[in-house]
Amino acid sequence: MPRFYRHCLLPFGLLTASLSARAQTAPPRYDRAFQAWYNYTGDHQLTDFWGVHSEAQLRRADLLPRRQQLLLRLGLNQHWSDRLQTAAGYTLLRTYPYGEFPEGHSREHRSYQEVQLADTLGRLALGHRFRLEQRWVRAQGEAGPTFSNRARYQFSVQLPLQGRRVEPKEWYLAAYDEVFVGFGRHVDQPFNQNRLYGALGRQFSRAAAAELGYMYHVKAHDDGRTFERNHTLYVALTYDLDLRGK
């Protein structure tokens, strides 16, 4: 148990700090919505050390009828060991008006750097992901983009439902919590968002897996007065290719 507490201490502390910052702003209004996010990710091994990350997300408001966001991400991975991986890359994000208090159209160009740590605790596979992002966001009607920084931390858990590790043609449970904190001269509201996620997954092969889950998504608007509290249907497909030619 002490080892488990060590894994949980950091995410709990970050989440507490973010909620404390949120409480101090005392926002007067909340936007509640139902969303559907459809997500594809692929980590493709080029050599024992280098790999390519690809990702696409289609996010819909009111479950399906309205556009919310389109995200495209491409990165370069570095595999230092079975437990340590780093990455850097680029993200394009297009946001459309949605919800009771819409923020309007915007286009975001983003660079990122991250560190991923993997560990096990009995049958549990544990993951820590630290990500830094540099964001250039241009809202509709603005002459140029606004620059800001953001830090993200995700703690994830995966539990196989058969055996000690997830193998092809087996089911598993997955969960994570991720907190987003903005910083820099153009950031008035440090707490940006939090995502709490749980899912049932199926590992179809060494390369392919899928998850069907639920996410409780809390997001702060830039005005510092509005917070979204979204219930999100999450559908994820993972397809990892090994291109090393072994």
C-alpha atoms as a PDB file:
ATOM      1  CA  MET A   1       0.000   0.000   0.000  1.00  0.00           C
ATOM      2  CA  PRO A   2       2.724   2.608   0.681  1.00  0.00           C
ATOM      3  CA  ARG A   3       3.914   2.223  -2.909  1.00  0.00           C
ATOM      4  CA  PHE A   4       0.405   2.835  -4.196  1.00  0.00           C
ATOM      5  CA  TYR A   5       0.152   5.986  -2.073  1.00  0.00           C
ATOM      6  CA  ARG A   6       3.353   7.279  -3.618  1.00  0.00           C
ATOM      7  CA  HIS A   7       1.826   6.869  -7.077  1.00  0.00           C
ATOM      8  CA  CYS A   8      -1.381   8.659  -6.056  1.00  0.00           C
ATOM      9  CA  LEU A   9       0.187  11.504  -4.077  1.00  0.00           C
ATOM     10  CA  LEU A  10       1.183  13.709  -7.020  1.00  0.00           C
ATOM     11  CA  PRO A  11      -2.094  13.579  -8.992  1.00  0.00           C
ATOM     12  CA  PHE A  12      -4.089  14.120  -5.802  1.00  0.00           C
ATOM     13  CA  GLY A  13      -2.016  17.161  -4.899  1.00  0.00           C
ATOM     14  CA  LEU A  14      -2.318  18.691  -8.369  1.00  0.00           C
ATOM     15  CA  LEU A  15      -6.054  18.098  -8.492  1.00  0.00           C
ATOM     16  CA  THR A  16      -6.514  19.648  -5.029  1.00  0.00           C
ATOM     17  CA  ALA A  17      -4.510  22.708  -6.053  1.00  0.00           C
ATOM     18  CA  SER A  18      -6.523  23.143  -9.253  1.00  0.00           C
ATOM     19  CA  LEU A  19      -9.852  22.872  -7.443  1.00  0.00           C
ATOM     20  CA  SER A  20      -8.645  25.356  -4.826  1.00  0.00           C
ATOM     21  CA  ALA A  21      -7.754  27.868  -7.536  1.00  0.00           C
ATOM     22  CA  ARG A  22     -11.142  27.291  -9.104  1.00  0.00           C
ATOM     23  CA  ALA A  23     -12.938  27.908  -5.798  1.00  0.00           C
ATOM     24  CA  GLN A  24     -11.137  31.225  -5.262  1.00  0.00           C
ATOM     25  CA  THR A  25     -12.509  32.643  -8.534  1.00  0.00           C
ATOM     26  CA  ALA A  26     -16.125  31.962  -7.435  1.00  0.00           C
ATOM     27  CA  PRO A  27     -17.495  31.771 -11.017  1.00  0.00           C
ATOM     28  CA  PRO A  28     -21.140  32.863 -11.194  1.00  0.00           C
ATOM     29  CA  ARG A  29     -22.294  30.546 -13.984  1.00  0.00           C
ATOM     30  CA  TYR A  30     -21.940  26.965 -15.214  1.00  0.00           C
ATOM     31  CA  ASP A  31     -22.497  25.391 -18.615  1.00  0.00           C
ATOM     32  CA  ARG A  32     -23.611  21.747 -18.605  1.00  0.00           C
ATOM     33  CA  ALA A  33     -23.524  19.679 -21.772  1.00  0.00           C
ATOM     34  CA  PHE A  34     -23.421  16.165 -23.181  1.00  0.00           C
ATOM     35  CA  GLN A  35     -20.567  15.441 -25.562  1.00  0.00           C
ATOM     36  CA  ALA A  36     -19.211  12.638 -27.738  1.00  0.00           C
ATOM     37  CA  TRP A  37     -15.473  12.327 -28.444  1.00  0.00           C
ATOM     38  CA  TYR A  38     -14.154   9.957 -31.107  1.00  0.00           C
ATOM     39  CA  ASN A  39     -10.440   9.382 -30.815  1.00  0.00           C
ATOM     40  CA  TYR A  40      -7.767   7.595 -32.863  1.00  0.00           C
ATOM     41  CA  THR A  41      -4.152   7.230 -31.656  1.00  0.00           C
ATOM     42  CA  GLY A  42      -1.199   5.309 -33.088  1.00  0.00           C
ATOM     43  CA  ASP A  43       2.386   4.954 -31.855  1.00  0.00           C
ATOM     44  CA  HIS A  44       4.458   3.522 -34.695  1.00  0.00           C
ATOM     45  CA  GLN A  45       7.910   2.131 -33.891  1.00  0.00           C
ATOM     46  CA  LEU A  46      10.555   3.076 -36.484  1.00  0.00           C
ATOM     47  CA  THR A  47      13.659   1.823 -34.613  1.00  0.00           C
ATOM     48  CA  ASP A  48      14.314   0.567 -31.101  1.00  0.00           C
ATOM     49  CA  PHE A  49      14.678   4.219 -30.043  1.00  0.00           C
ATOM     50  CA  TRP A  50      12.583   6.333 -32.452  1.00  0.00           C
ATOM     51  CA  GLY A  51       8.866   6.235 -33.079  1.00  0.00           C
ATOM     52  CA  VAL A  52       6.068   8.369 -34.547  1.00  0.00           C
ATOM     53  CA  HIS A  53       2.898   9.379 -32.727  1.00  0.00           C
ATOM     54  CA  SER A  54      -0.276  10.111 -34.731  1.00  0.00           C
ATOM     55  CA  GLU A  55      -3.616  11.222 -33.337  1.00  0.00           C
ATOM     56  CA  ALA A  56      -6.980  12.532 -34.528  1.00  0.00           C
ATOM     57  CA  GLN A  57      -9.987  13.507 -32.421  1.00  0.00           C
ATOM     58  CA  LEU A  58     -13.465  14.460 -33.562  1.00  0.00           C
ATOM     59  CA  ARG A  59     -15.417  16.069 -30.715  1.00  0.00           C
ATOM     60  CA  ARG A  60     -19.149  16.675 -30.953  1.00  0.00           C
ATOM     61  CA  ALA A  61     -21.423  18.707 -28.677  1.00  0.00           C
ATOM     62  CA  ASP A  62     -24.919  17.525 -27.680  1.00  0.00           C
ATOM     63  CA  LEU A  63     -23.665  13.947 -28.305  1.00  0.00           C
ATOM     64  CA  LEU A  64     -23.687  14.215 -32.114  1.00  0.00           C
ATOM     65  CA  PRO A  65     -25.531  17.107 -33.833  1.00  0.00           C
ATOM     66  CA  ARG A  66     -23.135  20.037 -33.248  1.00  0.00           C
ATOM     67  CA  ARG A  67     -19.452  20.478 -33.989  1.00  0.00           C
ATOM     68  CA  GLN A  68     -17.261  21.112 -30.975  1.00  0.00           C
ATOM     69  CA  GLN A  69     -13.589  20.573 -31.836  1.00  0.00           C
ATOM     70  CA  LEU A  70     -11.271  18.911 -34.338  1.00  0.00           C
ATOM     71  CA  LEU A  71      -7.788  17.937 -33.115  1.00  0.00           C
ATOM     72  CA  LEU A  72      -4.860  16.609 -35.174  1.00  0.00           C
ATOM     73  CA  ARG A  73      -1.529  15.716 -33.535  1.00  0.00           C
ATOM     74  CA  LEU A  74       1.804  14.450 -34.862  1.00  0.00           C
ATOM     75  CA  GLY A  75       4.845  13.749 -32.711  1.00  0.00           C
ATOM     76  CA  LEU A  76       8.227  12.045 -32.508  1.00  0.00           C
ATOM     77  CA  ASN A  77       8.758   9.525 -29.683  1.00  0.00           C
ATOM     78  CA  GLN A  78      12.015   8.519 -27.988  1.00  0.00           C
ATOM     79  CA  HIS A  79      12.041   5.150 -26.163  1.00  0.00           C
ATOM     80  CA  TRP A  80      14.710   5.189 -23.457  1.00  0.00           C
ATOM     81  CA  SER A  81      13.538   1.999 -21.720  1.00  0.00           C
ATOM     82  CA  ASP A  82      10.390  -0.030 -21.075  1.00  0.00           C
ATOM     83  CA  ARG A  83       9.502   2.469 -18.345  1.00  0.00           C
ATOM     84  CA  LEU A  84      10.648   5.803 -19.795  1.00  0.00           C
ATOM     85  CA  GLN A  85       9.563   7.548 -22.988  1.00  0.00           C
ATOM     86  CA  THR A  86       9.822  11.150 -24.139  1.00  0.00           C
ATOM     87  CA  ALA A  87       8.143  12.901 -27.051  1.00  0.00           C
ATOM     88  CA  ALA A  88       7.752  16.233 -28.821  1.00  0.00           C
ATOM     89  CA  GLY A  89       5.427  17.334 -31.567  1.00  0.00           C
ATOM     90  CA  TYR A  90       2.751  19.607 -33.018  1.00  0.00           C
ATOM     91  CA  THR A  91      -1.022  19.903 -32.530  1.00  0.00           C
ATOM     92  CA  LEU A  92      -3.667  21.673 -34.611  1.00  0.00           C
ATOM     93  CA  LEU A  93      -6.970  22.378 -32.859  1.00  0.00           C
ATOM     94  CA  ARG A  94     -10.078  23.946 -34.394  1.00  0.00           C
ATOM     95  CA  THR A  95     -12.849  24.992 -31.966  1.00  0.00           C
ATOM     96  CA  TYR A  96     -16.447  25.842 -32.922  1.00  0.00           C
ATOM     97  CA  PRO A  97     -19.138  27.621 -30.851  1.00  0.00           C
ATOM     98  CA  TYR A  98     -21.062  25.229 -28.592  1.00  0.00           C
ATOM     99  CA  GLY A  99     -22.922  25.205 -25.287  1.00  0.00           C
ATOM    100  CA  GLU A 100     -25.049  27.800 -23.520  1.00  0.00           C
ATOM    101  CA  PHE A 101     -22.118  30.232 -23.213  1.00  0.00           C
ATOM    102  CA  PRO A 102     -20.085  29.695 -26.412  1.00  0.00           C
ATOM    103  CA  GLU A 103     -16.574  31.111 -26.734  1.00  0.00           C
ATOM    104  CA  GLY A 104     -16.734  31.341 -30.538  1.00  0.00           C
ATOM    105  CA  HIS A 105     -14.561  30.082 -33.382  1.00  0.00           C
ATOM    106  CA  SER A 106     -10.825  29.725 -32.805  1.00  0.00           C
ATOM    107  CA  ARG A 107      -7.814  28.046 -34.362  1.00  0.00           C
ATOM    108  CA  GLU A 108      -4.891  26.877 -32.226  1.00  0.00           C
ATOM    109  CA  HIS A 109      -1.357  25.883 -33.190  1.00  0.00           C
ATOM    110  CA  ARG A 110       0.458  24.089 -30.405  1.00  0.00           C
ATOM    111  CA  SER A 111       3.872  22.559 -29.777  1.00  0.00           C
ATOM    112  CA  TYR A 112       4.400  20.108 -26.948  1.00  0.00           C
ATOM    113  CA  GLN A 113       7.039  18.163 -25.041  1.00  0.00           C
ATOM    114  CA  GLU A 114       6.265  15.263 -22.709  1.00  0.00           C
ATOM    115  CA  VAL A 115       7.683  12.579 -20.445  1.00  0.00           C
ATOM    116  CA  GLN A 116       5.901   9.254 -19.852  1.00  0.00           C
ATOM    117  CA  LEU A 117       6.720   6.906 -16.975  1.00  0.00           C
ATOM    118  CA  ALA A 118       5.330   3.361 -16.740  1.00  0.00           C
ATOM    119  CA  ASP A 119       5.199   1.055 -13.710  1.00  0.00           C
ATOM    120  CA  THR A 120       3.272  -1.930 -12.401  1.00  0.00           C
ATOM    121  CA  LEU A 121       1.647  -2.723  -9.071  1.00  0.00           C
ATOM    122  CA  GLY A 122       0.489  -6.335  -9.017  1.00  0.00           C
ATOM    123  CA  ARG A 123      -1.900  -6.676 -11.936  1.00  0.00           C
ATOM    124  CA  LEU A 124      -2.230  -2.913 -12.357  1.00  0.00           C
ATOM    125  CA  ALA A 125      -0.323  -1.072 -15.094  1.00  0.00           C
ATOM    126  CA  LEU A 126       0.342   2.496 -13.911  1.00  0.00           C
ATOM    127  CA  GLY A 127       1.228   5.481 -16.063  1.00  0.00           C
ATOM    128  CA  HIS A 128       2.388   9.041 -15.432  1.00  0.00           C
ATOM    129  CA  ARG A 129       2.415  11.599 -18.246  1.00  0.00           C
ATOM    130  CA  PHE A 130       3.854  15.100 -17.851  1.00  0.00           C
ATOM    131  CA  ARG A 131       3.248  17.423 -20.809  1.00  0.00           C
ATOM    132  CA  LEU A 132       4.221  21.052 -21.507  1.00  0.00           C
ATOM    133  CA  GLU A 133       2.413  22.939 -24.260  1.00  0.00           C
ATOM    134  CA  GLN A 134       3.100  26.220 -26.035  1.00  0.00           C
ATOM    135  CA  ARG A 135      -0.186  27.522 -27.446  1.00  0.00           C
ATOM    136  CA  TRP A 136      -0.909  30.103 -30.158  1.00  0.00           C
ATOM    137  CA  VAL A 137      -4.696  30.659 -30.137  1.00  0.00           C
ATOM    138  CA  ARG A 138      -6.373  32.978 -32.639  1.00  0.00           C
ATOM    139  CA  ALA A 139     -10.057  33.699 -32.090  1.00  0.00           C
ATOM    140  CA  GLN A 140     -12.297  34.762 -34.944  1.00  0.00           C
ATOM    141  CA  GLY A 141     -11.973  38.484 -35.560  1.00  0.00           C
ATOM    142  CA  GLU A 142      -8.610  38.879 -33.809  1.00  0.00           C
ATOM    143  CA  ALA A 143      -5.671  40.347 -35.709  1.00  0.00           C
ATOM    144  CA  GLY A 144      -3.214  37.749 -34.439  1.00  0.00           C
ATOM    145  CA  PRO A 145      -2.805  34.795 -32.060  1.00  0.00           C
ATOM    146  CA  THR A 146      -2.456  35.010 -28.290  1.00  0.00           C
ATOM    147  CA  PHE A 147       0.400  32.995 -26.788  1.00  0.00           C
ATOM    148  CA  SER A 148       0.180  31.054 -23.525  1.00  0.00           C
ATOM    149  CA  ASN A 149       1.735  28.065 -21.795  1.00  0.00           C
ATOM    150  CA  ARG A 150       0.031  25.060 -20.253  1.00  0.00           C
ATOM    151  CA  ALA A 151       1.188  22.167 -18.087  1.00  0.00           C
ATOM    152  CA  ARG A 152      -0.670  18.840 -17.976  1.00  0.00           C
ATOM    153  CA  TYR A 153      -0.328  15.832 -15.707  1.00  0.00           C
ATOM    154  CA  GLN A 154      -2.126  12.511 -16.212  1.00  0.00           C
ATOM    155  CA  PHE A 155      -2.201   9.512 -13.879  1.00  0.00           C
ATOM    156  CA  SER A 156      -3.598   6.353 -15.516  1.00  0.00           C
ATOM    157  CA  VAL A 157      -4.434   2.813 -14.413  1.00  0.00           C
ATOM    158  CA  GLN A 158      -5.132  -0.296 -16.499  1.00  0.00           C
ATOM    159  CA  LEU A 159      -6.482  -3.544 -15.030  1.00  0.00           C
ATOM    160  CA  PRO A 160      -6.590  -6.749 -17.148  1.00  0.00           C
ATOM    161  CA  LEU A 161      -9.700  -8.853 -16.653  1.00  0.00           C
ATOM    162  CA  GLN A 162      -7.835 -12.048 -17.641  1.00  0.00           C
ATOM    163  CA  GLY A 163      -4.331 -12.856 -16.453  1.00  0.00           C
ATOM    164  CA  ARG A 164      -1.694 -10.486 -15.069  1.00  0.00           C
ATOM    165  CA  ARG A 165      -1.123  -8.428 -18.221  1.00  0.00           C
ATOM    166  CA  VAL A 166      -3.342  -7.387 -21.116  1.00  0.00           C
ATOM    167  CA  GLU A 167      -2.881  -9.808 -24.024  1.00  0.00           C
ATOM    168  CA  PRO A 168      -4.533  -9.975 -27.476  1.00  0.00           C
ATOM    169  CA  LYS A 169      -8.207 -10.998 -27.478  1.00  0.00           C
ATOM    170  CA  GLU A 170      -8.629  -9.964 -23.837  1.00  0.00           C
ATOM    171  CA  TRP A 171     -10.734  -7.361 -22.000  1.00  0.00           C
ATOM    172  CA  TYR A 172      -9.473  -4.741 -19.577  1.00  0.00           C
ATOM    173  CA  LEU A 173     -10.566  -1.737 -17.503  1.00  0.00           C
ATOM    174  CA  ALA A 174      -8.897   1.659 -17.889  1.00  0.00           C
ATOM    175  CA  ALA A 175      -9.087   4.914 -15.924  1.00  0.00           C
ATOM    176  CA  TYR A 176      -7.213   8.194 -15.678  1.00  0.00           C
ATOM    177  CA  ASP A 177      -7.369  11.675 -14.246  1.00  0.00           C
ATOM    178  CA  GLU A 178      -5.680  14.599 -16.003  1.00  0.00           C
ATOM    179  CA  VAL A 179      -5.351  18.175 -14.750  1.00  0.00           C
ATOM    180  CA  PHE A 180      -4.470  21.179 -16.981  1.00  0.00           C
ATOM    181  CA  VAL A 181      -2.890  24.350 -15.558  1.00  0.00           C
ATOM    182  CA  GLY A 182      -2.138  27.444 -17.631  1.00  0.00           C
ATOM    183  CA  PHE A 183       0.647  29.927 -16.906  1.00  0.00           C
ATOM    184  CA  GLY A 184       2.226  32.992 -18.473  1.00  0.00           C
ATOM    185  CA  ARG A 185       1.474  36.697 -18.965  1.00  0.00           C
ATOM    186  CA  HIS A 186      -1.795  36.133 -20.868  1.00  0.00           C
ATOM    187  CA  VAL A 187      -3.238  33.618 -18.362  1.00  0.00           C
ATOM    188  CA  ASP A 188      -5.619  35.113 -15.775  1.00  0.00           C
ATOM    189  CA  GLN A 189      -7.239  31.808 -14.756  1.00  0.00           C
ATOM    190  CA  PRO A 190      -4.555  29.165 -13.899  1.00  0.00           C
ATOM    191  CA  PHE A 191      -6.985  26.248 -13.713  1.00  0.00           C
ATOM    192  CA  ASN A 192      -7.781  25.278 -17.305  1.00  0.00           C
ATOM    193  CA  GLN A 193      -9.556  21.923 -17.111  1.00  0.00           C
ATOM    194  CA  ASN A 194      -9.751  18.467 -15.558  1.00  0.00           C
ATOM    195  CA  ARG A 195     -10.681  15.153 -17.168  1.00  0.00           C
ATOM    196  CA  LEU A 196     -11.797  12.136 -15.144  1.00  0.00           C
ATOM    197  CA  TYR A 197     -12.184   9.022 -17.314  1.00  0.00           C
ATOM    198  CA  GLY A 198     -13.171   5.368 -17.006  1.00  0.00           C
ATOM    199  CA  ALA A 199     -13.634   2.756 -19.766  1.00  0.00           C
ATOM    200  CA  LEU A 200     -13.990  -0.867 -20.771  1.00  0.00           C
ATOM    201  CA  GLY A 201     -11.389  -1.895 -23.359  1.00  0.00           C
ATOM    202  CA  ARG A 202     -10.685  -4.770 -25.700  1.00  0.00           C
ATOM    203  CA  GLN A 203      -7.194  -5.670 -26.952  1.00  0.00           C
ATOM    204  CA  PHE A 204      -7.905  -7.211 -30.344  1.00  0.00           C
ATOM    205  CA  SER A 205      -4.286  -7.854 -31.389  1.00  0.00           C
ATOM    206  CA  ARG A 206      -0.765  -6.683 -30.560  1.00  0.00           C
ATOM    207  CA  ALA A 207      -1.479  -3.581 -32.645  1.00  0.00           C
ATOM    208  CA  ALA A 208      -5.191  -2.842 -32.196  1.00  0.00           C
ATOM    209  CA  ALA A 209      -7.340  -1.975 -29.185  1.00  0.00           C
ATOM    210  CA  ALA A 210     -10.592  -0.101 -28.576  1.00  0.00           C
ATOM    211  CA  GLU A 211     -12.245   1.514 -25.557  1.00  0.00           C
ATOM    212  CA  LEU A 212     -15.761   2.662 -24.759  1.00  0.00           C
ATOM    213  CA  GLY A 213     -15.862   5.004 -21.791  1.00  0.00           C
ATOM    214  CA  TYR A 214     -17.239   7.978 -19.920  1.00  0.00           C
ATOM    215  CA  MET A 215     -15.449  11.232 -19.098  1.00  0.00           C
ATOM    216  CA  TYR A 216     -16.473  13.916 -16.613  1.00  0.00           C
ATOM    217  CA  HIS A 217     -14.922  17.032 -18.121  1.00  0.00           C
ATOM    218  CA  VAL A 218     -14.594  20.321 -16.221  1.00  0.00           C
ATOM    219  CA  LYS A 219     -13.285  23.258 -18.288  1.00  0.00           C
ATOM    220  CA  ALA A 220     -12.709  26.925 -17.448  1.00  0.00           C
ATOM    221  CA  HIS A 221     -13.438  29.627 -20.003  1.00  0.00           C
ATOM    222  CA  ASP A 222     -10.982  32.448 -20.559  1.00  0.00           C
ATOM    223  CA  ASP A 223     -13.380  34.987 -19.056  1.00  0.00           C
ATOM    224  CA  GLY A 224     -12.783  33.481 -15.581  1.00  0.00           C
ATOM    225  CA  ARG A 225     -16.553  33.439 -14.912  1.00  0.00           C
ATOM    226  CA  THR A 226     -17.768  30.391 -16.845  1.00  0.00           C
ATOM    227  CA  PHE A 227     -17.073  26.719 -16.183  1.00  0.00           C
ATOM    228  CA  GLU A 228     -18.229  23.793 -18.274  1.00  0.00           C
ATOM    229  CA  ARG A 229     -19.259  20.560 -16.555  1.00  0.00           C
ATOM    230  CA  ASN A 230     -19.608  18.095 -19.405  1.00  0.00           C
ATOM    231  CA  HIS A 231     -20.706  14.461 -19.494  1.00  0.00           C
ATOM    232  CA  THR A 232     -18.808  12.844 -22.344  1.00  0.00           C
ATOM    233  CA  LEU A 233     -19.201   9.598 -24.268  1.00  0.00           C
ATOM    234  CA  TYR A 234     -15.685   8.541 -25.276  1.00  0.00           C
ATOM    235  CA  VAL A 235     -14.893   6.105 -28.105  1.00  0.00           C
ATOM    236  CA  ALA A 236     -11.191   5.368 -28.651  1.00  0.00           C
ATOM    237  CA  LEU A 237      -9.342   3.290 -31.236  1.00  0.00           C
ATOM    238  CA  THR A 238      -5.627   2.541 -30.930  1.00  0.00           C
ATOM    239  CA  TYR A 239      -3.564   1.058 -33.747  1.00  0.00           C
ATOM    240  CA  ASP A 240       0.211   0.763 -33.228  1.00  0.00           C
ATOM    241  CA  LEU A 241       2.447  -0.381 -36.071  1.00  0.00           C
ATOM    242  CA  ASP A 242       5.902  -1.892 -35.641  1.00  0.00           C
ATOM    243  CA  LEU A 243       7.890  -0.734 -38.685  1.00  0.00           C
ATOM    244  CA  ARG A 244      11.292  -2.003 -37.588  1.00  0.00           C
ATOM    245  CA  GLY A 245      11.221  -4.882 -40.107  1.00  0.00           C
ATOM    246  CA  LYS A 246      12.113  -7.578 -37.568  1.00  0.00           C
END
